[in-house]
């Protein structure tokens, strides 16, 4: 789950946002807008690859990770706003404009209690 949270941190980092369509699409750059963008077709098109997903060899994955790009862990889903009861392990990403922060919540099973919460100011 920590690897999935690293992906969210990577995608929401200012240096990444400057090189994406996010700032152009959402000049205000509010947390709720980021979550909407991240899970849109444009935002999800630039998600990092899945670790061990076959897109790259193990050696290529290691080289890519050395550049600081995290891989999505296999078996952990990223979802927006609320848990998806049809998926197992997941990280839920929520934006809170009034608090100017994103909240990332981890579930081993969405039927059970959350196991991890991270709040990050936007």
N, C-alpha and C. Protein backbone atom coordinates (compact mmCIF):
# COMPACT_ATOMS: atom_id res chain seq x y z
N UNK A 1 0.81 -1.18 0.00
CA UNK A 1 0.00 0.00 0.00
C UNK A 1 0.86 1.26 0.00
N UNK A 2 1.98 1.20 0.67
CA UNK A 2 2.88 2.36 0.68
C UNK A 2 3.37 2.70 -0.72
N UNK A 3 3.56 1.68 -1.56
CA UNK A 3 3.98 1.93 -2.94
C UNK A 3 2.90 2.68 -3.71
N UNK A 4 1.64 2.33 -3.48
CA UNK A 4 0.54 3.02 -4.14
C UNK A 4 0.46 4.47 -3.67
N UNK A 5 0.72 4.70 -2.40
CA UNK A 5 0.72 6.07 -1.87
C UNK A 5 1.87 6.86 -2.49
N UNK A 6 3.01 6.22 -2.70
CA UNK A 6 4.13 6.90 -3.37
C UNK A 6 3.74 7.33 -4.78
N UNK A 7 2.93 6.53 -5.45
CA UNK A 7 2.47 6.90 -6.80
C UNK A 7 1.62 8.16 -6.72
N UNK A 8 0.70 8.23 -5.74
CA UNK A 8 -0.14 9.42 -5.58
C UNK A 8 0.72 10.63 -5.27
N UNK A 9 1.68 10.47 -4.38
CA UNK A 9 2.60 11.58 -4.06
C UNK A 9 3.38 12.04 -5.29
N UNK A 10 3.85 11.08 -6.05
CA UNK A 10 4.61 11.39 -7.26
C UNK A 10 3.75 12.17 -8.25
N UNK A 11 2.53 11.69 -8.48
CA UNK A 11 1.66 12.34 -9.45
C UNK A 11 1.21 13.72 -9.00
N UNK A 12 1.11 13.93 -7.69
CA UNK A 12 0.63 15.21 -7.17
C UNK A 12 1.77 16.19 -6.87
N UNK A 13 3.00 15.76 -7.06
CA UNK A 13 4.15 16.65 -6.81
C UNK A 13 4.13 17.80 -7.82
N UNK A 14 4.46 18.98 -7.35
CA UNK A 14 4.42 20.17 -8.21
C UNK A 14 5.25 19.99 -9.48
N UNK A 15 6.40 19.36 -9.37
CA UNK A 15 7.25 19.18 -10.56
C UNK A 15 6.58 18.30 -11.60
N UNK A 16 5.76 17.34 -11.15
CA UNK A 16 5.02 16.49 -12.10
C UNK A 16 3.85 17.25 -12.70
N UNK A 17 3.17 18.01 -11.87
CA UNK A 17 1.99 18.75 -12.35
C UNK A 17 2.37 19.80 -13.39
N UNK A 18 3.54 20.36 -13.26
CA UNK A 18 4.00 21.36 -14.23
C UNK A 18 4.21 20.76 -15.62
N UNK A 19 4.46 19.46 -15.67
CA UNK A 19 4.72 18.79 -16.94
C UNK A 19 3.51 18.01 -17.45
N UNK A 20 2.35 18.30 -16.86
CA UNK A 20 1.14 17.59 -17.26
C UNK A 20 0.09 18.60 -17.73
N UNK A 21 -1.05 18.09 -18.14
CA UNK A 21 -2.15 18.95 -18.57
C UNK A 21 -2.96 19.48 -17.39
N UNK A 22 -2.63 19.08 -16.18
CA UNK A 22 -3.43 19.47 -15.02
C UNK A 22 -3.51 20.98 -14.85
N UNK A 23 -2.39 21.66 -14.82
CA UNK A 23 -2.39 23.12 -14.60
C UNK A 23 -3.10 23.86 -15.72
N UNK A 24 -3.01 23.35 -16.93
CA UNK A 24 -3.72 23.96 -18.05
C UNK A 24 -5.23 23.75 -17.91
N UNK A 25 -5.61 22.55 -17.54
CA UNK A 25 -7.03 22.21 -17.41
C UNK A 25 -7.65 22.83 -16.18
N UNK A 26 -6.91 22.85 -15.08
CA UNK A 26 -7.39 23.38 -13.81
C UNK A 26 -6.41 24.41 -13.27
N UNK A 27 -6.46 25.65 -13.75
CA UNK A 27 -5.49 26.66 -13.31
C UNK A 27 -5.51 26.92 -11.80
N UNK A 28 -6.68 26.72 -11.14
CA UNK A 28 -6.73 26.93 -9.69
C UNK A 28 -5.99 25.83 -8.93
N UNK A 29 -5.95 24.65 -9.50
CA UNK A 29 -5.20 23.54 -8.91
C UNK A 29 -5.70 23.08 -7.56
N UNK A 30 -7.02 23.06 -7.36
CA UNK A 30 -7.58 22.65 -6.06
C UNK A 30 -7.48 21.12 -5.89
N UNK A 31 -7.41 20.64 -4.62
CA UNK A 31 -7.31 19.20 -4.37
C UNK A 31 -8.42 18.36 -5.02
N UNK A 32 -9.67 18.83 -4.96
CA UNK A 32 -10.75 18.06 -5.57
C UNK A 32 -10.58 18.00 -7.08
N UNK A 33 -10.06 19.08 -7.66
CA UNK A 33 -9.80 19.08 -9.10
C UNK A 33 -8.69 18.10 -9.45
N UNK A 34 -7.67 18.02 -8.59
CA UNK A 34 -6.59 17.07 -8.85
C UNK A 34 -7.13 15.65 -8.90
N UNK A 35 -7.97 15.28 -7.93
CA UNK A 35 -8.51 13.92 -7.89
C UNK A 35 -9.36 13.66 -9.15
N UNK A 36 -10.18 14.64 -9.52
CA UNK A 36 -10.98 14.50 -10.74
C UNK A 36 -10.08 14.28 -11.95
N UNK A 37 -9.02 15.09 -12.05
CA UNK A 37 -8.09 14.97 -13.17
C UNK A 37 -7.33 13.65 -13.13
N UNK A 38 -6.84 13.25 -11.96
CA UNK A 38 -6.03 12.03 -11.83
C UNK A 38 -6.78 10.80 -12.34
N UNK A 39 -8.10 10.77 -12.12
CA UNK A 39 -8.88 9.60 -12.52
C UNK A 39 -9.61 9.81 -13.85
N UNK A 40 -9.33 10.92 -14.51
CA UNK A 40 -9.90 11.17 -15.83
C UNK A 40 -9.10 10.39 -16.87
N UNK A 41 -9.61 10.27 -18.09
CA UNK A 41 -8.83 9.60 -19.14
C UNK A 41 -7.46 10.24 -19.38
N UNK A 42 -7.38 11.56 -19.31
CA UNK A 42 -6.10 12.25 -19.52
C UNK A 42 -5.14 11.99 -18.37
N UNK A 43 -5.63 12.13 -17.13
CA UNK A 43 -4.77 11.90 -15.97
C UNK A 43 -4.33 10.45 -15.83
N UNK A 44 -5.26 9.53 -16.01
CA UNK A 44 -4.91 8.11 -15.84
C UNK A 44 -4.01 7.61 -16.95
N UNK A 45 -3.96 8.33 -18.07
CA UNK A 45 -3.07 7.94 -19.17
C UNK A 45 -1.60 8.08 -18.79
N UNK A 46 -1.31 8.91 -17.79
CA UNK A 46 0.09 9.10 -17.39
C UNK A 46 0.42 8.42 -16.07
N UNK A 47 -0.46 7.54 -15.60
CA UNK A 47 -0.14 6.76 -14.41
C UNK A 47 1.10 5.93 -14.71
N UNK A 48 1.91 5.71 -13.70
CA UNK A 48 3.07 4.84 -13.91
C UNK A 48 2.63 3.41 -14.21
N UNK A 49 3.50 2.62 -14.80
CA UNK A 49 3.14 1.23 -15.10
C UNK A 49 3.02 0.40 -13.83
N UNK A 50 2.40 -0.77 -13.98
CA UNK A 50 2.24 -1.71 -12.87
C UNK A 50 3.53 -2.51 -12.70
N UNK A 51 3.99 -2.60 -11.48
CA UNK A 51 5.21 -3.35 -11.17
C UNK A 51 5.01 -4.82 -11.53
N UNK A 52 5.94 -5.35 -12.33
CA UNK A 52 5.84 -6.74 -12.75
C UNK A 52 4.72 -6.99 -13.73
N UNK A 53 4.22 -5.94 -14.36
CA UNK A 53 3.09 -6.07 -15.28
C UNK A 53 3.45 -6.55 -16.66
N UNK A 54 4.75 -6.74 -16.92
CA UNK A 54 5.18 -7.26 -18.21
C UNK A 54 5.47 -6.19 -19.25
N UNK A 55 5.20 -4.94 -18.91
CA UNK A 55 5.48 -3.86 -19.85
C UNK A 55 6.99 -3.66 -20.02
N UNK A 56 7.73 -3.90 -18.94
CA UNK A 56 9.18 -3.76 -18.94
C UNK A 56 9.81 -5.00 -18.34
N UNK A 57 11.06 -5.26 -18.71
CA UNK A 57 11.79 -6.36 -18.08
C UNK A 57 12.15 -5.93 -16.65
N UNK A 58 12.56 -6.88 -15.83
CA UNK A 58 12.96 -6.57 -14.45
C UNK A 58 14.10 -5.55 -14.43
N UNK A 59 15.05 -5.71 -15.36
CA UNK A 59 16.19 -4.78 -15.42
C UNK A 59 15.72 -3.38 -15.78
N UNK A 60 14.79 -3.29 -16.75
CA UNK A 60 14.26 -1.98 -17.14
C UNK A 60 13.48 -1.34 -15.99
N UNK A 61 12.71 -2.15 -15.26
CA UNK A 61 11.98 -1.62 -14.11
C UNK A 61 12.94 -1.03 -13.09
N UNK A 62 14.02 -1.74 -12.81
CA UNK A 62 15.00 -1.23 -11.84
C UNK A 62 15.61 0.09 -12.30
N UNK A 63 15.92 0.19 -13.58
CA UNK A 63 16.50 1.42 -14.11
C UNK A 63 15.50 2.58 -14.02
N UNK A 64 14.25 2.31 -14.33
CA UNK A 64 13.21 3.34 -14.27
C UNK A 64 13.01 3.80 -12.82
N UNK A 65 12.98 2.85 -11.90
CA UNK A 65 12.79 3.20 -10.49
C UNK A 65 13.95 4.03 -9.96
N UNK A 66 15.13 3.83 -10.48
CA UNK A 66 16.29 4.64 -10.06
C UNK A 66 16.12 6.10 -10.44
N UNK A 67 15.29 6.38 -11.43
CA UNK A 67 15.05 7.77 -11.83
C UNK A 67 14.04 8.44 -10.90
N UNK A 68 13.45 7.68 -9.99
CA UNK A 68 12.49 8.24 -9.05
C UNK A 68 11.03 8.02 -9.42
N UNK A 69 10.80 7.35 -10.53
CA UNK A 69 9.43 7.07 -10.95
C UNK A 69 8.96 5.80 -10.23
N UNK A 70 7.91 5.91 -9.40
CA UNK A 70 7.41 4.71 -8.72
C UNK A 70 6.53 3.89 -9.65
N UNK A 71 6.43 2.61 -9.39
CA UNK A 71 5.53 1.73 -10.13
C UNK A 71 4.29 1.47 -9.28
N UNK A 72 3.15 1.30 -9.93
CA UNK A 72 1.96 0.88 -9.22
C UNK A 72 2.16 -0.56 -8.76
N UNK A 73 1.88 -0.86 -7.51
CA UNK A 73 2.03 -2.25 -7.08
C UNK A 73 0.90 -3.11 -7.66
N UNK A 74 1.24 -4.31 -8.08
CA UNK A 74 0.19 -5.20 -8.58
C UNK A 74 -0.67 -5.62 -7.39
N UNK A 75 -1.94 -5.77 -7.61
CA UNK A 75 -2.83 -6.21 -6.54
C UNK A 75 -3.39 -5.10 -5.67
N UNK A 76 -2.98 -3.86 -5.90
CA UNK A 76 -3.52 -2.72 -5.14
C UNK A 76 -4.13 -1.75 -6.14
N UNK A 77 -5.40 -1.43 -5.95
CA UNK A 77 -6.10 -0.51 -6.85
C UNK A 77 -6.05 0.91 -6.31
N UNK A 78 -5.99 1.87 -7.21
CA UNK A 78 -6.18 3.27 -6.85
C UNK A 78 -7.61 3.62 -7.24
N UNK A 79 -8.37 4.20 -6.31
CA UNK A 79 -9.75 4.60 -6.59
C UNK A 79 -9.98 6.01 -6.06
N UNK A 80 -10.97 6.68 -6.63
CA UNK A 80 -11.26 8.04 -6.19
C UNK A 80 -12.46 8.10 -5.26
N UNK A 81 -12.35 8.96 -4.28
CA UNK A 81 -13.43 9.40 -3.38
C UNK A 81 -13.95 8.40 -2.37
N UNK A 82 -14.32 7.20 -2.77
CA UNK A 82 -14.86 6.25 -1.79
C UNK A 82 -14.43 4.84 -2.16
N UNK A 83 -14.38 3.94 -1.18
CA UNK A 83 -13.95 2.57 -1.47
C UNK A 83 -14.83 1.89 -2.50
N UNK A 84 -14.20 1.06 -3.32
CA UNK A 84 -14.91 0.25 -4.31
C UNK A 84 -15.09 -1.14 -3.69
N UNK A 85 -16.30 -1.48 -3.37
CA UNK A 85 -16.59 -2.74 -2.67
C UNK A 85 -16.28 -3.97 -3.50
N UNK A 86 -16.09 -3.79 -4.81
CA UNK A 86 -15.80 -4.93 -5.69
C UNK A 86 -14.30 -5.20 -5.82
N UNK A 87 -13.49 -4.37 -5.21
CA UNK A 87 -12.04 -4.56 -5.29
C UNK A 87 -11.49 -4.91 -3.92
N UNK A 88 -10.36 -5.54 -3.91
CA UNK A 88 -9.71 -5.91 -2.65
C UNK A 88 -8.88 -4.75 -2.13
N UNK A 89 -7.57 -5.00 -2.00
CA UNK A 89 -6.67 -3.95 -1.50
C UNK A 89 -6.78 -2.72 -2.37
N UNK A 90 -6.91 -1.58 -1.71
CA UNK A 90 -7.06 -0.35 -2.48
C UNK A 90 -6.62 0.87 -1.68
N UNK A 91 -6.26 1.88 -2.43
CA UNK A 91 -5.93 3.18 -1.87
C UNK A 91 -6.94 4.16 -2.46
N UNK A 92 -7.68 4.83 -1.58
CA UNK A 92 -8.72 5.77 -1.97
C UNK A 92 -8.15 7.18 -1.85
N UNK A 93 -8.28 7.95 -2.93
CA UNK A 93 -7.74 9.31 -2.97
C UNK A 93 -8.92 10.29 -2.95
N UNK A 94 -8.90 11.19 -1.98
CA UNK A 94 -9.96 12.20 -1.85
C UNK A 94 -9.34 13.58 -1.78
N UNK A 95 -10.01 14.54 -2.37
CA UNK A 95 -9.59 15.93 -2.27
C UNK A 95 -10.55 16.70 -1.39
N UNK A 96 -10.02 17.59 -0.57
CA UNK A 96 -10.83 18.44 0.30
C UNK A 96 -10.41 19.88 0.08
N UNK A 97 -11.17 20.58 -0.75
CA UNK A 97 -10.84 21.97 -1.07
C UNK A 97 -10.88 22.87 0.16
N UNK A 98 -11.90 22.67 1.01
CA UNK A 98 -12.03 23.55 2.17
C UNK A 98 -10.86 23.43 3.14
N UNK A 99 -10.21 22.29 3.17
CA UNK A 99 -9.03 22.10 4.02
C UNK A 99 -7.73 22.22 3.23
N UNK A 100 -7.84 22.41 1.90
CA UNK A 100 -6.69 22.50 1.01
C UNK A 100 -5.75 21.31 1.19
N UNK A 101 -6.34 20.11 1.16
CA UNK A 101 -5.52 18.91 1.29
C UNK A 101 -6.14 17.72 0.59
N UNK A 102 -5.29 16.75 0.36
CA UNK A 102 -5.72 15.45 -0.14
C UNK A 102 -5.60 14.47 1.01
N UNK A 103 -6.54 13.54 1.04
CA UNK A 103 -6.50 12.47 2.03
C UNK A 103 -6.44 11.16 1.26
N UNK A 104 -5.50 10.32 1.63
CA UNK A 104 -5.31 9.02 0.99
C UNK A 104 -5.56 7.97 2.07
N UNK A 105 -6.48 7.06 1.79
CA UNK A 105 -6.90 6.06 2.76
C UNK A 105 -6.66 4.68 2.18
N UNK A 106 -6.02 3.80 2.95
CA UNK A 106 -5.73 2.45 2.49
C UNK A 106 -6.62 1.41 3.14
N UNK A 107 -7.07 0.46 2.34
CA UNK A 107 -7.90 -0.64 2.80
C UNK A 107 -7.29 -1.96 2.33
N UNK A 108 -7.17 -2.91 3.24
CA UNK A 108 -6.80 -4.27 2.83
C UNK A 108 -8.02 -4.94 2.21
N UNK A 109 -9.20 -4.62 2.78
CA UNK A 109 -10.48 -5.09 2.27
C UNK A 109 -11.47 -3.97 2.52
N UNK A 110 -12.18 -3.49 1.49
CA UNK A 110 -13.09 -2.36 1.70
C UNK A 110 -14.27 -2.68 2.62
N UNK A 111 -14.48 -3.97 2.88
CA UNK A 111 -15.55 -4.37 3.81
C UNK A 111 -15.13 -4.17 5.26
N UNK A 112 -13.82 -4.03 5.47
CA UNK A 112 -13.28 -3.88 6.82
C UNK A 112 -12.88 -2.43 7.07
N UNK A 113 -12.35 -2.19 8.25
CA UNK A 113 -11.90 -0.84 8.60
C UNK A 113 -10.66 -0.46 7.80
N UNK A 114 -10.49 0.84 7.63
CA UNK A 114 -9.29 1.31 6.94
C UNK A 114 -8.05 0.97 7.76
N UNK A 115 -6.93 0.84 7.08
CA UNK A 115 -5.70 0.46 7.77
C UNK A 115 -4.62 1.53 7.70
N UNK A 116 -4.83 2.55 6.86
CA UNK A 116 -3.80 3.56 6.67
C UNK A 116 -4.45 4.85 6.21
N UNK A 117 -4.04 5.97 6.83
CA UNK A 117 -4.54 7.29 6.42
C UNK A 117 -3.35 8.22 6.28
N UNK A 118 -3.32 8.96 5.19
CA UNK A 118 -2.28 9.96 4.99
C UNK A 118 -2.96 11.24 4.54
N UNK A 119 -2.65 12.34 5.19
CA UNK A 119 -3.17 13.63 4.79
C UNK A 119 -2.00 14.46 4.29
N UNK A 120 -2.20 15.14 3.16
CA UNK A 120 -1.14 15.95 2.59
C UNK A 120 -1.73 17.26 2.14
N UNK A 121 -1.13 18.35 2.59
CA UNK A 121 -1.62 19.67 2.22
C UNK A 121 -1.33 19.93 0.77
N UNK A 122 -2.31 20.55 0.10
CA UNK A 122 -2.15 20.82 -1.33
C UNK A 122 -1.80 22.21 -1.51
